[in-house]
N, C-alpha and C. Protein backbone atom coordinates (compact mmCIF):
# COMPACT_ATOMS: atom_id res chain seq x y z
N MET A 1 -21.83 14.56 -25.99
CA MET A 1 -21.86 15.24 -24.69
C MET A 1 -21.11 16.46 -24.46
N PRO A 2 -21.14 17.49 -25.65
CA PRO A 2 -20.06 18.55 -25.57
C PRO A 2 -19.97 19.39 -24.34
N GLU A 3 -21.09 19.60 -23.35
CA GLU A 3 -21.29 20.56 -22.48
C GLU A 3 -20.79 19.80 -20.93
N ILE A 4 -21.01 18.43 -21.05
CA ILE A 4 -20.89 17.53 -20.06
C ILE A 4 -19.55 17.85 -19.20
N PHE A 5 -18.37 17.95 -19.77
CA PHE A 5 -16.99 17.94 -19.24
C PHE A 5 -17.04 19.33 -18.72
N LYS A 6 -17.46 20.37 -19.45
CA LYS A 6 -17.43 21.58 -19.10
C LYS A 6 -18.07 22.05 -17.72
N ASN A 7 -19.38 21.56 -17.70
CA ASN A 7 -20.28 21.69 -16.66
C ASN A 7 -19.82 20.83 -15.21
N THR A 8 -19.21 19.78 -15.43
CA THR A 8 -18.78 18.92 -14.46
C THR A 8 -17.46 19.72 -13.70
N PHE A 9 -16.65 20.02 -14.73
CA PHE A 9 -15.44 20.48 -14.26
C PHE A 9 -15.54 21.98 -13.43
N GLU A 10 -16.62 22.75 -14.01
CA GLU A 10 -16.84 24.15 -13.47
C GLU A 10 -17.53 24.05 -12.09
N ARG A 11 -18.40 22.97 -11.97
CA ARG A 11 -19.15 22.71 -10.83
C ARG A 11 -18.11 22.54 -9.66
N HIS A 12 -17.10 22.19 -9.83
CA HIS A 12 -15.96 21.92 -8.89
C HIS A 12 -15.14 22.88 -8.65
N GLY A 13 -15.41 24.23 -9.35
CA GLY A 13 -14.34 25.36 -9.65
C GLY A 13 -13.10 24.90 -10.34
N PHE A 14 -13.14 24.18 -11.35
CA PHE A 14 -12.04 23.57 -11.80
C PHE A 14 -12.19 24.05 -13.47
N PHE A 15 -11.35 24.98 -13.83
CA PHE A 15 -11.67 25.60 -15.32
C PHE A 15 -10.45 25.19 -16.13
N VAL A 16 -10.77 24.45 -17.43
CA VAL A 16 -9.83 24.15 -18.23
C VAL A 16 -10.23 24.67 -19.56
N SER A 17 -9.38 24.68 -20.55
CA SER A 17 -9.42 25.50 -21.84
C SER A 17 -10.48 24.48 -22.69
N ARG A 18 -10.86 25.00 -23.56
CA ARG A 18 -11.63 24.65 -24.60
C ARG A 18 -11.01 23.32 -25.48
N GLU A 19 -9.77 23.53 -25.68
CA GLU A 19 -8.62 22.67 -26.24
C GLU A 19 -8.81 21.33 -25.40
N THR A 20 -8.67 21.38 -24.05
CA THR A 20 -8.61 20.24 -22.99
C THR A 20 -9.84 19.71 -23.03
N LEU A 21 -10.97 20.30 -23.01
CA LEU A 21 -12.24 19.72 -23.06
C LEU A 21 -12.36 18.92 -24.18
N ASP A 22 -11.96 19.27 -25.22
CA ASP A 22 -12.33 18.63 -26.61
C ASP A 22 -11.40 17.17 -26.56
N LYS A 23 -9.99 17.45 -25.83
CA LYS A 23 -9.27 15.98 -25.56
C LYS A 23 -9.97 15.15 -24.78
N PHE A 24 -10.80 15.59 -23.59
CA PHE A 24 -11.58 14.79 -22.89
C PHE A 24 -12.64 14.16 -23.36
N GLU A 25 -13.50 14.93 -24.23
CA GLU A 25 -14.50 14.03 -25.07
C GLU A 25 -14.02 13.14 -26.07
N THR A 26 -12.74 13.25 -26.78
CA THR A 26 -12.40 12.35 -27.63
C THR A 26 -12.04 10.92 -26.83
N TYR A 27 -11.13 11.51 -25.83
CA TYR A 27 -10.81 10.09 -24.81
C TYR A 27 -11.95 9.42 -24.20
N ASN A 28 -12.94 10.21 -23.78
CA ASN A 28 -14.22 9.55 -23.26
C ASN A 28 -14.84 8.65 -24.41
N ALA A 29 -14.86 9.22 -25.62
CA ALA A 29 -15.48 8.36 -27.01
C ALA A 29 -14.84 7.07 -27.15
N LEU A 30 -13.33 7.51 -26.96
CA LEU A 30 -12.46 5.97 -27.25
C LEU A 30 -12.92 5.08 -25.97
N LEU A 31 -12.90 5.68 -24.95
CA LEU A 31 -13.11 4.54 -23.60
C LEU A 31 -14.46 3.97 -23.82
N ARG A 32 -15.21 4.63 -24.31
CA ARG A 32 -16.71 3.89 -24.35
C ARG A 32 -16.71 2.80 -25.43
N LYS A 33 -15.82 3.25 -26.73
CA LYS A 33 -15.74 2.32 -27.58
C LYS A 33 -14.96 0.96 -27.37
N TRP A 34 -13.96 1.15 -26.50
CA TRP A 34 -12.98 -0.06 -26.31
C TRP A 34 -13.37 -0.68 -25.07
N GLN A 35 -14.26 -0.07 -24.35
CA GLN A 35 -14.62 -0.63 -23.09
C GLN A 35 -15.87 -1.96 -23.43
N LYS A 36 -16.33 -1.75 -24.65
CA LYS A 36 -17.07 -3.04 -25.17
C LYS A 36 -16.22 -4.19 -25.46
N ALA A 37 -15.09 -4.10 -25.68
CA ALA A 37 -14.08 -5.21 -25.76
C ALA A 37 -13.32 -5.55 -24.76
N ILE A 38 -12.47 -4.35 -23.92
CA ILE A 38 -12.09 -5.01 -22.78
C ILE A 38 -12.59 -4.09 -21.66
N ASN A 39 -12.45 -4.73 -20.44
CA ASN A 39 -12.73 -3.96 -19.18
C ASN A 39 -11.84 -2.73 -18.62
N LEU A 40 -12.06 -1.73 -19.10
CA LEU A 40 -11.28 -0.62 -18.83
C LEU A 40 -11.48 0.01 -17.56
N VAL A 41 -12.83 0.13 -17.10
CA VAL A 41 -13.33 0.73 -15.82
C VAL A 41 -14.64 -0.15 -15.53
N GLY A 42 -15.00 0.06 -14.23
CA GLY A 42 -16.15 -0.50 -13.73
C GLY A 42 -17.32 -0.29 -14.92
N PRO A 43 -18.02 -1.48 -15.32
CA PRO A 43 -19.28 -1.02 -16.29
C PRO A 43 -20.17 -0.01 -15.79
N THR A 44 -20.44 -0.05 -14.48
CA THR A 44 -21.60 0.95 -13.94
C THR A 44 -21.19 2.47 -13.80
N THR A 45 -19.87 2.66 -14.26
CA THR A 45 -19.20 3.78 -14.22
C THR A 45 -19.18 4.45 -15.47
N VAL A 46 -19.51 3.99 -16.38
CA VAL A 46 -19.12 4.38 -17.98
C VAL A 46 -19.78 5.60 -18.04
N ASP A 47 -21.14 5.61 -17.78
CA ASP A 47 -22.05 6.63 -18.08
C ASP A 47 -21.63 7.99 -17.48
N ASP A 48 -21.10 7.65 -16.10
CA ASP A 48 -20.53 8.91 -15.23
C ASP A 48 -19.40 9.11 -15.13
N ALA A 49 -18.49 8.80 -16.33
CA ALA A 49 -17.06 8.95 -16.49
C ALA A 49 -16.66 10.20 -16.19
N PRO A 50 -17.27 11.42 -16.67
CA PRO A 50 -16.85 12.64 -16.52
C PRO A 50 -16.44 13.08 -15.07
N GLU A 51 -17.36 12.63 -14.17
CA GLU A 51 -17.20 12.72 -12.86
C GLU A 51 -16.33 11.63 -11.93
N ARG A 52 -16.80 10.59 -12.39
CA ARG A 52 -16.24 9.48 -11.43
C ARG A 52 -14.50 8.98 -12.03
N HIS A 53 -14.28 9.39 -13.30
CA HIS A 53 -12.85 9.01 -13.67
C HIS A 53 -12.24 10.24 -14.19
N PHE A 54 -12.55 11.17 -14.97
CA PHE A 54 -12.04 12.33 -15.48
C PHE A 54 -11.73 13.36 -14.50
N PHE A 55 -12.81 13.76 -13.77
CA PHE A 55 -12.62 14.86 -12.76
C PHE A 55 -12.01 14.23 -11.48
N ASP A 56 -12.34 12.99 -11.14
CA ASP A 56 -11.64 12.43 -10.14
C ASP A 56 -10.30 12.35 -10.07
N SER A 57 -9.82 11.92 -11.48
CA SER A 57 -8.39 12.25 -11.71
C SER A 57 -7.82 13.53 -11.89
N ALA A 58 -8.58 14.42 -12.34
CA ALA A 58 -8.08 15.80 -12.48
C ALA A 58 -7.83 16.61 -11.36
N GLN A 59 -8.72 16.33 -10.23
CA GLN A 59 -8.35 17.01 -8.92
C GLN A 59 -7.01 16.54 -8.41
N MET A 60 -6.35 15.66 -8.81
CA MET A 60 -4.92 15.36 -8.26
C MET A 60 -3.92 16.25 -8.95
N PHE A 61 -4.24 17.05 -10.00
CA PHE A 61 -3.60 17.85 -10.52
C PHE A 61 -3.24 19.05 -9.49
N ARG A 62 -4.09 19.35 -8.70
CA ARG A 62 -4.03 20.28 -7.44
C ARG A 62 -2.71 19.97 -6.66
N TYR A 63 -2.43 18.92 -6.42
CA TYR A 63 -1.21 18.30 -5.68
C TYR A 63 -0.02 18.10 -6.25
N ILE A 64 0.10 18.32 -7.48
CA ILE A 64 1.56 17.93 -8.40
C ILE A 64 2.25 19.31 -7.93
N PRO A 65 3.20 19.33 -7.56
CA PRO A 65 4.10 20.61 -7.03
C PRO A 65 4.66 21.28 -8.28
N ASP A 66 4.52 20.96 -9.59
CA ASP A 66 4.83 21.84 -10.76
C ASP A 66 4.69 20.81 -11.97
N VAL A 67 4.13 21.65 -13.16
CA VAL A 67 3.95 20.91 -14.45
C VAL A 67 5.51 20.39 -15.06
N GLU A 68 6.23 21.16 -14.44
CA GLU A 68 7.70 20.56 -15.09
C GLU A 68 8.15 19.39 -14.40
N VAL A 69 7.65 18.42 -14.38
CA VAL A 69 8.02 17.18 -13.57
C VAL A 69 8.14 16.10 -14.27
N THR A 70 8.78 14.84 -13.84
CA THR A 70 8.64 13.70 -14.46
C THR A 70 7.54 13.03 -13.73
N LEU A 71 6.76 12.46 -14.20
CA LEU A 71 5.66 11.75 -13.47
C LEU A 71 5.42 10.44 -13.79
N ALA A 72 5.31 9.28 -12.91
CA ALA A 72 4.94 8.20 -13.20
C ALA A 72 3.62 7.78 -12.68
N ASP A 73 2.71 7.01 -13.56
CA ASP A 73 1.48 6.63 -13.18
C ASP A 73 1.44 5.33 -13.16
N LEU A 74 1.41 4.70 -11.87
CA LEU A 74 1.38 3.16 -11.89
C LEU A 74 -0.02 2.31 -12.08
N GLY A 75 0.08 1.51 -12.71
CA GLY A 75 -1.13 0.67 -12.99
C GLY A 75 -2.06 1.33 -13.82
N SER A 76 -1.60 1.98 -14.82
CA SER A 76 -2.48 3.20 -15.20
C SER A 76 -3.82 2.74 -15.79
N GLY A 77 -3.86 1.40 -16.47
CA GLY A 77 -5.20 0.89 -16.65
C GLY A 77 -5.72 1.51 -17.87
N ALA A 78 -6.73 2.46 -17.45
CA ALA A 78 -7.61 3.35 -18.59
C ALA A 78 -6.92 4.50 -18.84
N GLY A 79 -5.82 4.87 -17.94
CA GLY A 79 -4.97 6.33 -17.99
C GLY A 79 -5.43 7.11 -17.02
N PHE A 80 -6.08 6.60 -16.10
CA PHE A 80 -6.62 7.48 -14.98
C PHE A 80 -5.78 7.41 -13.67
N PRO A 81 -5.10 8.15 -13.15
CA PRO A 81 -5.08 9.72 -13.69
C PRO A 81 -4.01 10.20 -14.75
N GLY A 82 -3.01 9.18 -15.11
CA GLY A 82 -1.90 9.74 -15.81
C GLY A 82 -2.17 10.47 -17.12
N LEU A 83 -2.94 10.08 -17.78
CA LEU A 83 -3.42 10.61 -18.96
C LEU A 83 -4.14 12.02 -18.84
N VAL A 84 -5.32 12.04 -17.97
CA VAL A 84 -5.66 13.19 -17.62
C VAL A 84 -4.67 14.37 -17.24
N LEU A 85 -3.59 13.95 -16.32
CA LEU A 85 -2.87 15.00 -15.96
C LEU A 85 -1.81 15.48 -17.17
N ALA A 86 -1.66 14.42 -17.94
CA ALA A 86 -0.84 14.97 -19.05
C ALA A 86 -1.62 15.91 -20.04
N MET A 87 -3.05 15.52 -20.18
CA MET A 87 -3.85 16.67 -20.78
C MET A 87 -4.01 17.99 -19.98
N LEU A 88 -3.72 17.90 -18.76
CA LEU A 88 -4.00 19.01 -18.19
C LEU A 88 -2.62 19.95 -18.12
N GLY A 89 -1.54 19.42 -18.57
CA GLY A 89 -0.36 20.04 -18.77
C GLY A 89 1.03 19.67 -18.09
N VAL A 90 0.93 18.22 -17.32
CA VAL A 90 2.28 17.97 -16.86
C VAL A 90 2.94 17.39 -17.92
N LYS A 91 4.27 17.85 -17.99
CA LYS A 91 4.95 17.68 -19.23
C LYS A 91 5.52 16.21 -19.51
N ASP A 92 6.20 15.58 -18.64
CA ASP A 92 6.63 14.59 -18.82
C ASP A 92 5.96 13.18 -18.11
N VAL A 93 5.07 12.51 -18.71
CA VAL A 93 4.22 11.75 -18.11
C VAL A 93 4.54 10.36 -18.23
N HIS A 94 4.59 9.31 -17.72
CA HIS A 94 5.15 8.00 -18.11
C HIS A 94 3.97 7.11 -17.30
N LEU A 95 3.22 6.35 -18.31
CA LEU A 95 2.17 5.54 -17.92
C LEU A 95 2.41 3.97 -17.79
N VAL A 96 2.55 3.41 -16.77
CA VAL A 96 2.95 2.07 -16.52
C VAL A 96 1.76 1.19 -16.49
N GLU A 97 1.86 0.18 -17.33
CA GLU A 97 0.55 -0.52 -17.58
C GLU A 97 0.99 -2.06 -18.15
N SER A 98 1.02 -3.17 -17.55
CA SER A 98 1.48 -4.41 -17.65
C SER A 98 0.58 -5.23 -18.76
N ASP A 99 -0.58 -4.96 -18.79
CA ASP A 99 -1.76 -5.40 -19.81
C ASP A 99 -1.64 -4.96 -21.30
N ILE A 100 -1.20 -5.67 -22.25
CA ILE A 100 -0.97 -5.13 -23.51
C ILE A 100 -2.00 -4.76 -24.06
N ARG A 101 -3.31 -4.83 -23.82
CA ARG A 101 -4.52 -4.13 -24.56
C ARG A 101 -4.61 -2.91 -24.01
N LYS A 102 -4.71 -2.87 -22.50
CA LYS A 102 -4.67 -1.45 -21.93
C LYS A 102 -3.69 -0.89 -22.47
N ALA A 103 -2.34 -1.18 -22.57
CA ALA A 103 -1.04 -0.43 -23.15
C ALA A 103 -1.57 0.32 -24.45
N THR A 104 -2.28 -0.74 -25.42
CA THR A 104 -2.54 -0.25 -26.51
C THR A 104 -3.61 0.73 -26.70
N PHE A 105 -4.41 0.58 -25.82
CA PHE A 105 -5.57 1.65 -25.47
C PHE A 105 -4.78 2.98 -25.24
N LEU A 106 -4.11 3.03 -24.39
CA LEU A 106 -3.30 4.20 -23.96
C LEU A 106 -2.67 4.92 -24.87
N ARG A 107 -2.01 4.13 -26.02
CA ARG A 107 -1.21 4.66 -26.93
C ARG A 107 -2.21 5.42 -27.89
N GLU A 108 -3.29 4.55 -28.09
CA GLU A 108 -4.58 5.05 -29.12
C GLU A 108 -5.17 6.58 -28.56
N VAL A 109 -5.07 6.58 -27.13
CA VAL A 109 -5.62 7.75 -26.86
C VAL A 109 -4.75 8.98 -27.03
N SER A 110 -3.38 8.55 -26.70
CA SER A 110 -2.43 9.49 -26.70
C SER A 110 -2.33 10.04 -28.15
N ARG A 111 -2.43 9.09 -29.36
CA ARG A 111 -2.42 9.53 -30.59
C ARG A 111 -3.37 10.31 -30.97
N GLU A 112 -4.54 9.99 -30.68
CA GLU A 112 -5.90 10.77 -31.31
C GLU A 112 -6.25 11.85 -30.46
N THR A 113 -5.51 12.15 -29.13
CA THR A 113 -5.55 13.49 -28.57
C THR A 113 -4.46 14.50 -28.74
N SER A 114 -3.35 13.99 -29.53
CA SER A 114 -2.13 14.66 -29.74
C SER A 114 -1.63 14.92 -28.14
N THR A 115 -1.46 14.00 -27.35
CA THR A 115 -1.08 13.98 -25.98
C THR A 115 0.17 13.09 -25.95
N PRO A 116 1.28 13.72 -25.66
CA PRO A 116 2.54 12.74 -25.82
C PRO A 116 2.79 12.49 -24.19
N VAL A 117 2.78 11.02 -24.25
CA VAL A 117 3.00 10.25 -22.98
C VAL A 117 3.99 9.31 -23.39
N THR A 118 4.58 8.62 -22.38
CA THR A 118 5.51 7.28 -22.80
C THR A 118 4.83 6.29 -22.08
N VAL A 119 4.33 5.24 -22.77
CA VAL A 119 3.61 4.04 -22.12
C VAL A 119 4.70 2.93 -22.11
N HIS A 120 4.90 2.43 -20.57
CA HIS A 120 5.78 1.30 -20.45
C HIS A 120 4.81 0.14 -20.34
N ASN A 121 4.69 -0.58 -21.24
CA ASN A 121 4.00 -1.99 -21.12
C ASN A 121 4.56 -3.05 -20.56
N LYS A 122 4.85 -2.82 -19.03
CA LYS A 122 5.62 -3.87 -18.35
C LYS A 122 5.10 -3.79 -16.87
N ARG A 123 5.55 -4.81 -16.12
CA ARG A 123 5.35 -4.67 -14.70
C ARG A 123 5.93 -3.77 -13.88
N ILE A 124 5.37 -2.98 -13.00
CA ILE A 124 6.02 -1.87 -12.21
C ILE A 124 7.21 -2.47 -11.69
N GLU A 125 7.51 -3.73 -11.23
CA GLU A 125 8.85 -4.16 -10.65
C GLU A 125 10.10 -4.03 -12.07
N ASP A 126 9.45 -4.09 -13.16
CA ASP A 126 10.50 -4.12 -13.98
C ASP A 126 10.73 -2.89 -15.00
N THR A 127 10.19 -1.64 -14.18
CA THR A 127 10.38 -0.53 -14.92
C THR A 127 11.35 0.58 -14.39
N VAL A 128 12.10 1.22 -15.02
CA VAL A 128 12.86 2.24 -14.43
C VAL A 128 12.63 3.68 -15.43
N ILE A 129 12.73 4.59 -14.61
CA ILE A 129 12.10 5.79 -14.83
C ILE A 129 13.15 6.89 -14.27
N PRO A 130 14.25 7.19 -14.86
CA PRO A 130 15.22 8.07 -14.36
C PRO A 130 14.67 9.46 -14.03
N ASN A 131 15.18 9.86 -12.99
CA ASN A 131 14.84 11.30 -12.56
C ASN A 131 13.61 11.56 -12.20
N LEU A 132 13.00 10.76 -11.60
CA LEU A 132 11.47 10.51 -11.18
C LEU A 132 11.02 11.71 -10.27
N ASP A 133 10.06 12.54 -10.31
CA ASP A 133 9.52 13.51 -9.51
C ASP A 133 8.58 13.05 -8.74
N VAL A 134 7.46 12.70 -9.39
CA VAL A 134 6.16 12.41 -8.96
C VAL A 134 5.62 10.95 -9.13
N VAL A 135 4.96 10.14 -8.33
CA VAL A 135 4.49 8.95 -8.62
C VAL A 135 2.85 9.19 -8.24
N THR A 136 2.28 8.72 -9.28
CA THR A 136 0.50 8.68 -9.02
C THR A 136 0.05 7.22 -9.05
N ALA A 137 -1.13 7.11 -8.41
CA ALA A 137 -1.90 5.79 -8.74
C ALA A 137 -3.24 6.08 -8.09
N ARG A 138 -4.12 5.24 -8.53
CA ARG A 138 -5.58 5.26 -8.35
C ARG A 138 -6.09 3.79 -8.30
N ALA A 139 -6.60 3.41 -7.04
CA ALA A 139 -7.20 2.35 -6.96
C ALA A 139 -6.39 0.99 -7.58
N LEU A 140 -5.29 1.05 -6.81
CA LEU A 140 -4.14 0.09 -7.45
C LEU A 140 -3.99 -0.88 -6.46
N ALA A 141 -3.19 -0.41 -5.20
CA ALA A 141 -2.93 -1.53 -4.21
C ALA A 141 -2.63 -0.70 -2.94
N PRO A 142 -2.73 -1.56 -1.76
CA PRO A 142 -2.28 -1.01 -0.39
C PRO A 142 -1.14 -0.03 -0.44
N LEU A 143 -1.73 1.00 0.56
CA LEU A 143 -0.49 2.04 0.63
C LEU A 143 1.06 1.56 0.99
N GLN A 144 1.05 0.54 1.78
CA GLN A 144 2.51 -0.01 2.00
C GLN A 144 2.98 -0.50 1.02
N ASP A 145 2.20 -1.17 0.08
CA ASP A 145 2.81 -1.60 -1.32
C ASP A 145 3.10 -0.72 -2.41
N LEU A 146 2.22 0.36 -2.32
CA LEU A 146 2.48 1.51 -3.35
C LEU A 146 3.92 2.20 -2.62
N LEU A 147 3.95 2.30 -1.70
CA LEU A 147 5.25 3.04 -1.00
C LEU A 147 6.69 2.17 -1.26
N ALA A 148 6.51 0.95 -1.55
CA ALA A 148 7.49 0.07 -1.97
C ALA A 148 7.78 0.44 -3.26
N HIS A 149 7.01 0.56 -4.09
CA HIS A 149 7.24 0.79 -5.47
C HIS A 149 7.83 2.26 -5.68
N VAL A 150 7.40 3.24 -5.01
CA VAL A 150 7.91 4.68 -4.89
C VAL A 150 9.30 4.36 -4.73
N ASP A 151 9.56 3.83 -3.40
CA ASP A 151 11.07 3.69 -2.97
C ASP A 151 11.76 3.13 -3.92
N ARG A 152 11.39 2.14 -4.70
CA ARG A 152 12.35 1.25 -5.91
C ARG A 152 12.25 2.35 -6.92
N LEU A 153 11.52 3.05 -7.34
CA LEU A 153 11.65 3.83 -8.51
C LEU A 153 12.36 5.15 -8.41
N ARG A 154 12.61 5.49 -7.24
CA ARG A 154 13.11 6.76 -6.94
C ARG A 154 14.42 6.84 -7.12
N THR A 155 15.10 8.03 -7.56
CA THR A 155 16.48 8.24 -7.84
C THR A 155 17.06 8.67 -6.38
N PRO A 156 18.25 8.07 -5.82
CA PRO A 156 18.81 8.38 -4.56
C PRO A 156 19.09 9.86 -4.48
N ASP A 157 18.64 10.45 -3.39
CA ASP A 157 19.10 11.77 -3.02
C ASP A 157 18.39 12.83 -3.72
N ARG A 158 17.17 12.24 -4.41
CA ARG A 158 16.34 13.22 -5.36
C ARG A 158 14.79 13.23 -4.62
N PRO A 159 14.20 14.22 -4.22
CA PRO A 159 12.94 14.30 -3.61
C PRO A 159 11.83 13.62 -4.54
N ILE A 160 10.98 13.14 -3.88
CA ILE A 160 10.07 12.63 -4.70
C ILE A 160 8.70 12.40 -3.93
N TYR A 161 7.51 13.02 -4.72
CA TYR A 161 6.14 13.08 -4.07
C TYR A 161 5.47 11.97 -4.60
N ALA A 162 4.54 11.07 -3.57
CA ALA A 162 3.60 10.29 -4.03
C ALA A 162 2.21 11.16 -3.85
N VAL A 163 1.21 11.04 -4.95
CA VAL A 163 0.15 11.68 -4.85
C VAL A 163 -0.81 10.49 -5.36
N LEU A 164 -1.72 10.06 -4.20
CA LEU A 164 -2.34 8.72 -4.60
C LEU A 164 -3.97 9.09 -4.03
N ALA A 165 -4.67 8.32 -4.75
CA ALA A 165 -6.13 8.37 -4.52
C ALA A 165 -6.56 7.21 -3.83
N LYS A 166 -7.25 7.45 -2.53
CA LYS A 166 -7.70 6.57 -1.44
C LYS A 166 -9.03 6.49 -1.29
N GLY A 167 -9.48 5.28 -0.97
CA GLY A 167 -11.22 5.35 -0.36
C GLY A 167 -11.32 5.08 1.12
N LEU A 168 -12.46 4.29 1.03
CA LEU A 168 -12.80 4.47 2.76
C LEU A 168 -11.82 4.00 3.82
N GLN A 169 -11.00 3.09 3.22
CA GLN A 169 -10.20 2.41 4.30
C GLN A 169 -8.71 3.07 4.05
N HIS A 170 -8.70 4.30 3.99
CA HIS A 170 -7.56 5.26 3.80
C HIS A 170 -6.87 5.09 5.14
N GLY A 171 -7.49 5.26 6.29
CA GLY A 171 -6.97 5.60 7.71
C GLY A 171 -6.22 4.10 8.03
N GLU A 172 -6.83 3.06 7.84
CA GLU A 172 -6.29 1.64 8.16
C GLU A 172 -5.06 1.46 7.18
N GLU A 173 -5.15 1.92 6.20
CA GLU A 173 -4.11 1.80 5.33
C GLU A 173 -2.71 2.64 5.76
N ILE A 174 -3.03 3.85 6.18
CA ILE A 174 -1.89 4.65 6.69
C ILE A 174 -1.21 4.25 7.78
N ASP A 175 -2.21 3.53 8.76
CA ASP A 175 -1.64 3.00 10.12
C ASP A 175 -0.78 1.83 9.67
N LYS A 176 -1.19 1.09 8.70
CA LYS A 176 -0.49 -0.19 8.42
C LYS A 176 1.08 0.09 7.72
N ALA A 177 0.89 1.24 6.82
CA ALA A 177 2.12 1.74 6.16
C ALA A 177 2.95 2.19 7.23
N HIS A 178 2.74 3.15 8.06
CA HIS A 178 3.54 3.51 9.24
C HIS A 178 4.57 2.45 10.03
N LYS A 179 4.01 1.32 9.79
CA LYS A 179 4.76 0.46 10.78
C LYS A 179 5.99 0.01 9.72
N THR A 180 5.95 0.11 8.50
CA THR A 180 7.00 0.18 7.72
C THR A 180 7.89 1.20 7.36
N TRP A 181 7.32 2.22 7.20
CA TRP A 181 7.83 3.65 6.60
C TRP A 181 7.52 4.82 7.32
N ASP A 182 8.59 5.69 7.43
CA ASP A 182 8.28 6.93 7.93
C ASP A 182 8.19 7.99 6.64
N PHE A 183 7.06 8.92 6.71
CA PHE A 183 6.89 9.84 5.60
C PHE A 183 6.19 10.91 6.28
N GLU A 184 6.27 12.14 5.38
CA GLU A 184 5.36 13.43 5.59
C GLU A 184 4.23 13.16 4.87
N LEU A 185 3.02 13.37 5.47
CA LEU A 185 1.68 13.10 4.99
C LEU A 185 0.88 14.21 5.01
N GLU A 186 0.37 14.59 3.97
CA GLU A 186 -1.02 15.49 3.73
C GLU A 186 -1.95 14.73 3.21
N VAL A 187 -3.23 15.01 4.04
CA VAL A 187 -4.57 14.33 3.42
C VAL A 187 -5.41 15.34 2.88
N PHE A 188 -5.99 15.14 1.94
CA PHE A 188 -6.92 16.02 1.19
C PHE A 188 -8.41 15.45 0.94
N PRO A 189 -9.42 16.00 1.30
CA PRO A 189 -10.75 15.45 0.96
C PRO A 189 -10.81 15.24 -0.53
N SER A 190 -11.56 14.05 -1.09
CA SER A 190 -11.65 13.93 -2.49
C SER A 190 -12.92 14.64 -2.79
N GLU A 191 -12.94 15.51 -3.96
CA GLU A 191 -14.00 16.30 -4.27
C GLU A 191 -15.19 15.48 -5.21
N SER A 192 -14.82 14.22 -5.38
CA SER A 192 -15.74 13.50 -6.27
C SER A 192 -16.20 12.25 -5.47
N ASP A 193 -15.67 12.12 -4.23
CA ASP A 193 -16.11 10.76 -3.60
C ASP A 193 -15.83 11.12 -2.13
N MET A 194 -17.11 11.32 -1.49
CA MET A 194 -17.21 11.74 0.12
C MET A 194 -16.43 10.78 0.71
N SER A 195 -16.29 9.49 0.50
CA SER A 195 -15.46 8.61 1.53
C SER A 195 -14.05 8.71 0.82
N GLY A 196 -13.55 9.40 -0.03
CA GLY A 196 -12.41 9.20 -0.58
C GLY A 196 -11.46 10.46 -0.21
N LYS A 197 -10.13 10.05 -0.23
CA LYS A 197 -9.12 10.96 0.04
C LYS A 197 -7.78 11.02 -0.98
N VAL A 198 -7.29 12.31 -1.28
CA VAL A 198 -5.98 12.20 -1.92
C VAL A 198 -5.05 12.54 -0.78
N LEU A 199 -4.04 11.74 -0.81
CA LEU A 199 -2.77 11.42 -0.18
C LEU A 199 -1.42 12.12 -0.91
N ARG A 200 -0.89 13.10 -0.17
CA ARG A 200 0.27 13.59 -0.73
C ARG A 200 1.46 12.94 0.08
N ILE A 201 2.43 12.45 -0.34
CA ILE A 201 3.49 11.92 0.37
C ILE A 201 4.85 12.25 0.23
N LYS A 202 5.77 12.59 1.10
CA LYS A 202 7.18 13.11 0.64
C LYS A 202 7.88 12.64 2.06
N GLY A 203 9.38 12.73 1.70
CA GLY A 203 10.23 12.27 2.78
C GLY A 203 10.02 10.77 3.23
N LEU A 204 9.87 9.90 2.15
CA LEU A 204 9.87 8.56 2.45
C LEU A 204 11.22 7.72 2.96
N VAL A 205 10.94 7.25 3.80
CA VAL A 205 12.36 6.54 4.62
C VAL A 205 11.77 5.11 5.22
N LYS A 206 12.33 4.06 4.78
CA LYS A 206 12.08 2.89 5.40
C LYS A 206 12.57 2.74 6.82
N LYS A 207 11.72 2.09 7.52
CA LYS A 207 12.18 2.07 8.99
C LYS A 207 13.31 0.99 9.13
């Protein structure tokens, strides 16, 4: 599928280098291979992975304040969005994944695509990442729970952004989160899911 990634991304006005497209293709081939043994993504989404997983992750790159950041992708699973963001140029990416098989897959993709990342094979609650700037997550947990993770991981007195992919229930999740947290919120439409949103949050303070 040499042109699928190129066509998918350019259709959304997202232009990436040939080198990055090659990495995506290698990544996707490994995903299809490993999917036969472990459930990395929903089985019905495998054939549409360039749009459903790769571009869906890549669009979050637009909302990262800078590539020179330390970024933690929580519950990274198959590496979406963290590995994709690393391939797009985010410099210091940490993938947090408690499942040892998925963590092994992440390291394999990192090695095969020459994409440097740090894989933390542990629970989010047990993870420490100094000087964290950005936290990402996709289809992981309710917003109020994600913000609790962000609050625990951040360095005191250091600004932190959360860039989170959310689905149809995003409005309800935001309302519930506001009962526990104060935060500055920007909401962007997902370019790959009509019902989805990308939330960018900063200024997190527990009430």
